[in-house]
Amino acid sequence: MIWQDIALMLGGFAFALALVPTIRSANKPARMTCAITAACLAVYCVAYATLGLWLAFSAALITKGMWCIVFIQRR
């Protein structure tokens, strides 16, 4: 499953990079959007870890962390 792990990792890091402008911007998405996305990514992290997809797990974990940053900034 190595190619799947790499493909999911690349997609996860692309999503993380796409969040950088949101973190730097004054305009933020709704808090509920941030919370639901972070929660879904936490579930993905568990799924990836149980499948042994550690690269995808790390990408999802980083992206989840970035959504948590946006959630905190929304205050």
PDB file of N, CA and C in Angstrom:
ATOM      1  N   MET A   1       0.815  -1.197   0.000  1.00  0.00           N
ATOM      2  CA  MET A   1       0.000   0.000   0.000  1.00  0.00           C
ATOM      3  C   MET A   1       0.859   1.260   0.000  1.00  0.00           C
ATOM      4  N   ILE A   2       2.092   1.170  -0.411  1.00  0.00           N
ATOM      5  CA  ILE A   2       2.969   2.332  -0.338  1.00  0.00           C
ATOM      6  C   ILE A   2       2.529   3.447  -1.280  1.00  0.00           C
ATOM      7  N   TRP A   3       2.050   3.104  -2.469  1.00  0.00           N
ATOM      8  CA  TRP A   3       1.662   4.175  -3.380  1.00  0.00           C
ATOM      9  C   TRP A   3       0.422   4.910  -2.873  1.00  0.00           C
ATOM     10  N   GLN A   4      -0.477   4.196  -2.195  1.00  0.00           N
ATOM     11  CA  GLN A   4      -1.646   4.850  -1.628  1.00  0.00           C
ATOM     12  C   GLN A   4      -1.238   5.811  -0.510  1.00  0.00           C
ATOM     13  N   ASP A   5      -0.281   5.381   0.299  1.00  0.00           N
ATOM     14  CA  ASP A   5       0.209   6.217   1.388  1.00  0.00           C
ATOM     15  C   ASP A   5       0.816   7.505   0.836  1.00  0.00           C
ATOM     16  N   ILE A   6       1.605   7.380  -0.206  1.00  0.00           N
ATOM     17  CA  ILE A   6       2.244   8.556  -0.813  1.00  0.00           C
ATOM     18  C   ILE A   6       1.194   9.466  -1.450  1.00  0.00           C
ATOM     19  N   ALA A   7       0.231   8.881  -2.150  1.00  0.00           N
ATOM     20  CA  ALA A   7      -0.811   9.686  -2.799  1.00  0.00           C
ATOM     21  C   ALA A   7      -1.638  10.452  -1.765  1.00  0.00           C
ATOM     22  N   LEU A   8      -2.037   9.780  -0.694  1.00  0.00           N
ATOM     23  CA  LEU A   8      -2.811  10.440   0.353  1.00  0.00           C
ATOM     24  C   LEU A   8      -1.979  11.492   1.081  1.00  0.00           C
ATOM     25  N   MET A   9      -0.691  11.236   1.265  1.00  0.00           N
ATOM     26  CA  MET A   9       0.189  12.215   1.899  1.00  0.00           C
ATOM     27  C   MET A   9       0.305  13.474   1.049  1.00  0.00           C
ATOM     28  N   LEU A  10       0.511  13.296  -0.256  1.00  0.00           N
ATOM     29  CA  LEU A  10       0.635  14.451  -1.139  1.00  0.00           C
ATOM     30  C   LEU A  10      -0.641  15.300  -1.126  1.00  0.00           C
ATOM     31  N   GLY A  11      -1.781  14.633  -1.167  1.00  0.00           N
ATOM     32  CA  GLY A  11      -3.049  15.355  -1.081  1.00  0.00           C
ATOM     33  C   GLY A  11      -3.218  16.072   0.242  1.00  0.00           C
ATOM     34  N   GLY A  12      -2.836  15.416   1.319  1.00  0.00           N
ATOM     35  CA  GLY A  12      -2.939  16.032   2.646  1.00  0.00           C
ATOM     36  C   GLY A  12      -2.055  17.250   2.785  1.00  0.00           C
ATOM     37  N   PHE A  13      -0.830  17.160   2.285  1.00  0.00           N
ATOM     38  CA  PHE A  13       0.069  18.321   2.357  1.00  0.00           C
ATOM     39  C   PHE A  13      -0.396  19.443   1.437  1.00  0.00           C
ATOM     40  N   ALA A  14      -1.023  19.096   0.313  1.00  0.00           N
ATOM     41  CA  ALA A  14      -1.577  20.126  -0.569  1.00  0.00           C
ATOM     42  C   ALA A  14      -2.694  20.881   0.151  1.00  0.00           C
ATOM     43  N   PHE A  15      -3.548  20.152   0.883  1.00  0.00           N
ATOM     44  CA  PHE A  15      -4.600  20.809   1.658  1.00  0.00           C
ATOM     45  C   PHE A  15      -3.999  21.702   2.749  1.00  0.00           C
ATOM     46  N   ALA A  16      -2.923  21.234   3.378  1.00  0.00           N
ATOM     47  CA  ALA A  16      -2.268  22.044   4.412  1.00  0.00           C
ATOM     48  C   ALA A  16      -1.703  23.333   3.812  1.00  0.00           C
ATOM     49  N   LEU A  17      -1.056  23.215   2.666  1.00  0.00           N
ATOM     50  CA  LEU A  17      -0.525  24.415   2.009  1.00  0.00           C
ATOM     51  C   LEU A  17      -1.641  25.374   1.610  1.00  0.00           C
ATOM     52  N   ALA A  18      -2.769  24.834   1.206  1.00  0.00           N
ATOM     53  CA  ALA A  18      -3.898  25.671   0.812  1.00  0.00           C
ATOM     54  C   ALA A  18      -4.470  26.449   1.999  1.00  0.00           C
ATOM     55  N   LEU A  19      -4.217  25.989   3.222  1.00  0.00           N
ATOM     56  CA  LEU A  19      -4.722  26.674   4.406  1.00  0.00           C
ATOM     57  C   LEU A  19      -3.838  27.839   4.858  1.00  0.00           C
ATOM     58  N   VAL A  20      -2.618  27.908   4.374  1.00  0.00           N
ATOM     59  CA  VAL A  20      -1.699  28.971   4.799  1.00  0.00           C
ATOM     60  C   VAL A  20      -2.292  30.360   4.561  1.00  0.00           C
ATOM     61  N   PRO A  21      -2.849  30.665   3.374  1.00  0.00           N
ATOM     62  CA  PRO A  21      -3.458  31.993   3.201  1.00  0.00           C
ATOM     63  C   PRO A  21      -4.610  32.269   4.177  1.00  0.00           C
ATOM     64  N   THR A  22      -5.362  31.236   4.528  1.00  0.00           N
ATOM     65  CA  THR A  22      -6.467  31.406   5.479  1.00  0.00           C
ATOM     66  C   THR A  22      -5.928  31.747   6.861  1.00  0.00           C
ATOM     67  N   ILE A  23      -4.856  31.095   7.268  1.00  0.00           N
ATOM     68  CA  ILE A  23      -4.253  31.379   8.569  1.00  0.00           C
ATOM     69  C   ILE A  23      -3.717  32.806   8.607  1.00  0.00           C
ATOM     70  N   ARG A  24      -3.147  33.260   7.513  1.00  0.00           N
ATOM     71  CA  ARG A  24      -2.550  34.598   7.469  1.00  0.00           C
ATOM     72  C   ARG A  24      -3.579  35.705   7.245  1.00  0.00           C
ATOM     73  N   SER A  25      -4.754  35.370   6.746  1.00  0.00           N
ATOM     74  CA  SER A  25      -5.780  36.354   6.407  1.00  0.00           C
ATOM     75  C   SER A  25      -6.571  36.792   7.633  1.00  0.00           C
ATOM     76  N   ALA A  26      -7.141  37.970   7.534  1.00  0.00           N
ATOM     77  CA  ALA A  26      -8.042  38.453   8.594  1.00  0.00           C
ATOM     78  C   ALA A  26      -9.413  37.797   8.478  1.00  0.00           C
ATOM     79  N   ASN A  27      -9.784  37.356   7.295  1.00  0.00           N
ATOM     80  CA  ASN A  27     -11.073  36.704   7.073  1.00  0.00           C
ATOM     81  C   ASN A  27     -10.942  35.211   7.353  1.00  0.00           C
ATOM     82  N   LYS A  28     -11.809  34.706   8.205  1.00  0.00           N
ATOM     83  CA  LYS A  28     -11.769  33.296   8.610  1.00  0.00           C
ATOM     84  C   LYS A  28     -13.105  32.623   8.313  1.00  0.00           C
ATOM     85  N   PRO A  29     -13.073  31.313   8.069  1.00  0.00           N
ATOM     86  CA  PRO A  29     -14.332  30.571   7.913  1.00  0.00           C
ATOM     87  C   PRO A  29     -15.078  30.509   9.253  1.00  0.00           C
ATOM     88  N   ALA A  30     -16.303  30.083   9.199  1.00  0.00           N
ATOM     89  CA  ALA A  30     -17.114  29.943  10.418  1.00  0.00           C
ATOM     90  C   ALA A  30     -16.474  28.944  11.379  1.00  0.00           C
ATOM     91  N   ARG A  31     -16.676  29.172  12.671  1.00  0.00           N
ATOM     92  CA  ARG A  31     -16.095  28.276  13.690  1.00  0.00           C
ATOM     93  C   ARG A  31     -16.576  26.835  13.510  1.00  0.00           C
ATOM     94  N   MET A  32     -17.840  26.669  13.162  1.00  0.00           N
ATOM     95  CA  MET A  32     -18.381  25.317  12.990  1.00  0.00           C
ATOM     96  C   MET A  32     -17.690  24.606  11.828  1.00  0.00           C
ATOM     97  N   THR A  33     -17.387  25.328  10.771  1.00  0.00           N
ATOM     98  CA  THR A  33     -16.659  24.746   9.641  1.00  0.00           C
ATOM     99  C   THR A  33     -15.296  24.248  10.099  1.00  0.00           C
ATOM    100  N   CYS A  34     -14.608  25.061  10.880  1.00  0.00           N
ATOM    101  CA  CYS A  34     -13.285  24.679  11.392  1.00  0.00           C
ATOM    102  C   CYS A  34     -13.375  23.456  12.303  1.00  0.00           C
ATOM    103  N   ALA A  35     -14.346  23.462  13.203  1.00  0.00           N
ATOM    104  CA  ALA A  35     -14.483  22.369  14.164  1.00  0.00           C
ATOM    105  C   ALA A  35     -14.830  21.049  13.481  1.00  0.00           C
ATOM    106  N   ILE A  36     -15.770  21.085  12.561  1.00  0.00           N
ATOM    107  CA  ILE A  36     -16.186  19.854  11.876  1.00  0.00           C
ATOM    108  C   ILE A  36     -15.047  19.311  11.022  1.00  0.00           C
ATOM    109  N   THR A  37     -14.343  20.189  10.324  1.00  0.00           N
ATOM    110  CA  THR A  37     -13.227  19.738   9.485  1.00  0.00           C
ATOM    111  C   THR A  37     -12.129  19.130  10.337  1.00  0.00           C
ATOM    112  N   ALA A  38     -11.784  19.770  11.451  1.00  0.00           N
ATOM    113  CA  ALA A  38     -10.751  19.232  12.340  1.00  0.00           C
ATOM    114  C   ALA A  38     -11.180  17.883  12.921  1.00  0.00           C
ATOM    115  N   ALA A  39     -12.448  17.756  13.287  1.00  0.00           N
ATOM    116  CA  ALA A  39     -12.943  16.489  13.836  1.00  0.00           C
ATOM    117  C   ALA A  39     -12.879  15.362  12.797  1.00  0.00           C
ATOM    118  N   CYS A  40     -13.280  15.672  11.573  1.00  0.00           N
ATOM    119  CA  CYS A  40     -13.214  14.663  10.500  1.00  0.00           C
ATOM    120  C   CYS A  40     -11.768  14.252  10.241  1.00  0.00           C
ATOM    121  N   LEU A  41     -10.862  15.206  10.255  1.00  0.00           N
ATOM    122  CA  LEU A  41      -9.453  14.878  10.037  1.00  0.00           C
ATOM    123  C   LEU A  41      -8.887  14.048  11.188  1.00  0.00           C
ATOM    124  N   ALA A  42      -9.393  14.253  12.399  1.00  0.00           N
ATOM    125  CA  ALA A  42      -8.965  13.420  13.522  1.00  0.00           C
ATOM    126  C   ALA A  42      -9.385  11.967  13.297  1.00  0.00           C
ATOM    127  N   VAL A  43     -10.592  11.773  12.769  1.00  0.00           N
ATOM    128  CA  VAL A  43     -11.053  10.411  12.447  1.00  0.00           C
ATOM    129  C   VAL A  43     -10.176   9.813  11.347  1.00  0.00           C
ATOM    130  N   TYR A  44      -9.839  10.617  10.344  1.00  0.00           N
ATOM    131  CA  TYR A  44      -8.944  10.150   9.281  1.00  0.00           C
ATOM    132  C   TYR A  44      -7.602   9.722   9.858  1.00  0.00           C
ATOM    133  N   CYS A  45      -7.091  10.486  10.825  1.00  0.00           N
ATOM    134  CA  CYS A  45      -5.807  10.144  11.446  1.00  0.00           C
ATOM    135  C   CYS A  45      -5.858   8.750  12.074  1.00  0.00           C
ATOM    136  N   VAL A  46      -6.938   8.473  12.786  1.00  0.00           N
ATOM    137  CA  VAL A  46      -7.095   7.154  13.402  1.00  0.00           C
ATOM    138  C   VAL A  46      -7.162   6.077  12.324  1.00  0.00           C
ATOM    139  N   ALA A  47      -7.933   6.320  11.280  1.00  0.00           N
ATOM    140  CA  ALA A  47      -8.066   5.332  10.200  1.00  0.00           C
ATOM    141  C   ALA A  47      -6.721   5.086   9.519  1.00  0.00           C
ATOM    142  N   TYR A  48      -5.999   6.154   9.202  1.00  0.00           N
ATOM    143  CA  TYR A  48      -4.695   5.993   8.552  1.00  0.00           C
ATOM    144  C   TYR A  48      -3.719   5.247   9.449  1.00  0.00           C
ATOM    145  N   ALA A  49      -3.719   5.564  10.737  1.00  0.00           N
ATOM    146  CA  ALA A  49      -2.793   4.904  11.662  1.00  0.00           C
ATOM    147  C   ALA A  49      -3.097   3.413  11.771  1.00  0.00           C
ATOM    148  N   THR A  50      -4.377   3.058  11.845  1.00  0.00           N
ATOM    149  CA  THR A  50      -4.717   1.641  11.974  1.00  0.00           C
ATOM    150  C   THR A  50      -4.409   0.854  10.698  1.00  0.00           C
ATOM    151  N   LEU A  51      -4.357   1.553   9.566  1.00  0.00           N
ATOM    152  CA  LEU A  51      -3.987   0.900   8.304  1.00  0.00           C
ATOM    153  C   LEU A  51      -2.480   0.910   8.066  1.00  0.00           C
ATOM    154  N   GLY A  52      -1.743   1.583   8.949  1.00  0.00           N
ATOM    155  CA  GLY A  52      -0.291   1.663   8.790  1.00  0.00           C
ATOM    156  C   GLY A  52       0.138   2.661   7.722  1.00  0.00           C
ATOM    157  N   LEU A  53      -0.735   3.610   7.391  1.00  0.00           N
ATOM    158  CA  LEU A  53      -0.416   4.633   6.392  1.00  0.00           C
ATOM    159  C   LEU A  53       0.153   5.856   7.131  1.00  0.00           C
ATOM    160  N   TRP A  54       1.403   5.752   7.539  1.00  0.00           N
ATOM    161  CA  TRP A  54       1.996   6.749   8.421  1.00  0.00           C
ATOM    162  C   TRP A  54       2.264   8.079   7.729  1.00  0.00           C
ATOM    163  N   LEU A  55       2.547   8.070   6.455  1.00  0.00           N
ATOM    164  CA  LEU A  55       2.751   9.329   5.733  1.00  0.00           C
ATOM    165  C   LEU A  55       1.433  10.087   5.617  1.00  0.00           C
ATOM    166  N   ALA A  56       0.373   9.378   5.269  1.00  0.00           N
ATOM    167  CA  ALA A  56      -0.955   9.990   5.197  1.00  0.00           C
ATOM    168  C   ALA A  56      -1.396  10.465   6.576  1.00  0.00           C
ATOM    169  N   PHE A  57      -1.086   9.683   7.599  1.00  0.00           N
ATOM    170  CA  PHE A  57      -1.398  10.066   8.977  1.00  0.00           C
ATOM    171  C   PHE A  57      -0.736  11.393   9.329  1.00  0.00           C
ATOM    172  N   SER A  58       0.542  11.532   8.998  1.00  0.00           N
ATOM    173  CA  SER A  58       1.253  12.764   9.352  1.00  0.00           C
ATOM    174  C   SER A  58       0.683  13.965   8.606  1.00  0.00           C
ATOM    175  N   ALA A  59       0.334  13.794   7.343  1.00  0.00           N
ATOM    176  CA  ALA A  59      -0.250  14.888   6.573  1.00  0.00           C
ATOM    177  C   ALA A  59      -1.611  15.284   7.152  1.00  0.00           C
ATOM    178  N   ALA A  60      -2.438  14.305   7.500  1.00  0.00           N
ATOM    179  CA  ALA A  60      -3.749  14.599   8.078  1.00  0.00           C
ATOM    180  C   ALA A  60      -3.605  15.262   9.446  1.00  0.00           C
ATOM    181  N   LEU A  61      -2.622  14.841  10.213  1.00  0.00           N
ATOM    182  CA  LEU A  61      -2.389  15.430  11.528  1.00  0.00           C
ATOM    183  C   LEU A  61      -1.977  16.898  11.415  1.00  0.00           C
ATOM    184  N   ILE A  62      -1.099  17.189  10.478  1.00  0.00           N
ATOM    185  CA  ILE A  62      -0.677  18.574  10.259  1.00  0.00           C
ATOM    186  C   ILE A  62      -1.853  19.424   9.788  1.00  0.00           C
ATOM    187  N   THR A  63      -2.630  18.904   8.857  1.00  0.00           N
ATOM    188  CA  THR A  63      -3.779  19.652   8.350  1.00  0.00           C
ATOM    189  C   THR A  63      -4.809  19.870   9.452  1.00  0.00           C
ATOM    190  N   LYS A  64      -5.028  18.863  10.286  1.00  0.00           N
ATOM    191  CA  LYS A  64      -5.941  19.009  11.425  1.00  0.00           C
ATOM    192  C   LYS A  64      -5.443  20.100  12.359  1.00  0.00           C
ATOM    193  N   GLY A  65      -4.164  20.108  12.625  1.00  0.00           N
ATOM    194  CA  GLY A  65      -3.592  21.143  13.478  1.00  0.00           C
ATOM    195  C   GLY A  65      -3.785  22.539  12.905  1.00  0.00           C
ATOM    196  N   MET A  66      -3.652  22.656  11.599  1.00  0.00           N
ATOM    197  CA  MET A  66      -3.849  23.959  10.962  1.00  0.00           C
ATOM    198  C   MET A  66      -5.303  24.406  11.061  1.00  0.00           C
ATOM    199  N   TRP A  67      -6.246  23.476  10.916  1.00  0.00           N
ATOM    200  CA  TRP A  67      -7.654  23.830  11.086  1.00  0.00           C
ATOM    201  C   TRP A  67      -7.936  24.244  12.529  1.00  0.00           C
ATOM    202  N   CYS A  68      -7.253  23.619  13.480  1.00  0.00           N
ATOM    203  CA  CYS A  68      -7.403  24.021  14.885  1.00  0.00           C
ATOM    204  C   CYS A  68      -6.871  25.437  15.097  1.00  0.00           C
ATOM    205  N   ILE A  69      -5.788  25.786  14.416  1.00  0.00           N
ATOM    206  CA  ILE A  69      -5.259  27.155  14.493  1.00  0.00           C
ATOM    207  C   ILE A  69      -6.294  28.144  13.973  1.00  0.00           C
ATOM    208  N   VAL A  70      -6.909  27.832  12.831  1.00  0.00           N
ATOM    209  CA  VAL A  70      -7.933  28.715  12.270  1.00  0.00           C
ATOM    210  C   VAL A  70      -9.110  28.827  13.242  1.00  0.00           C
ATOM    211  N   PHE A  71      -9.496  27.727  13.862  1.00  0.00           N
ATOM    212  CA  PHE A  71     -10.579  27.737  14.850  1.00  0.00           C
ATOM    213  C   PHE A  71     -10.257  28.686  16.006  1.00  0.00           C
ATOM    214  N   ILE A  72      -9.038  28.604  16.508  1.00  0.00           N
ATOM    215  CA  ILE A  72      -8.618  29.469  17.618  1.00  0.00           C
ATOM    216  C   ILE A  72      -8.564  30.926  17.175  1.00  0.00           C
ATOM    217  N   GLN A  73      -8.083  31.170  15.963  1.00  0.00           N
ATOM    218  CA  GLN A  73      -8.000  32.542  15.458  1.00  0.00           C
ATOM    219  C   GLN A  73      -9.384  33.162  15.267  1.00  0.00           C
ATOM    220  N   ARG A  74     -10.378  32.364  15.080  1.00  0.00           N
ATOM    221  CA  ARG A  74     -11.740  32.849  14.813  1.00  0.00           C
ATOM    222  C   ARG A  74     -12.355  33.550  16.017  1.00  0.00           C
ATOM    223  N   ARG A  75     -11.818  33.342  17.207  1.00  0.00           N
ATOM    224  CA  ARG A  75     -12.381  33.951  18.412  1.00  0.00           C
ATOM    225  C   ARG A  75     -12.500  35.405  18.294  1.00  0.00           C
TER     226      ARG A  75
END
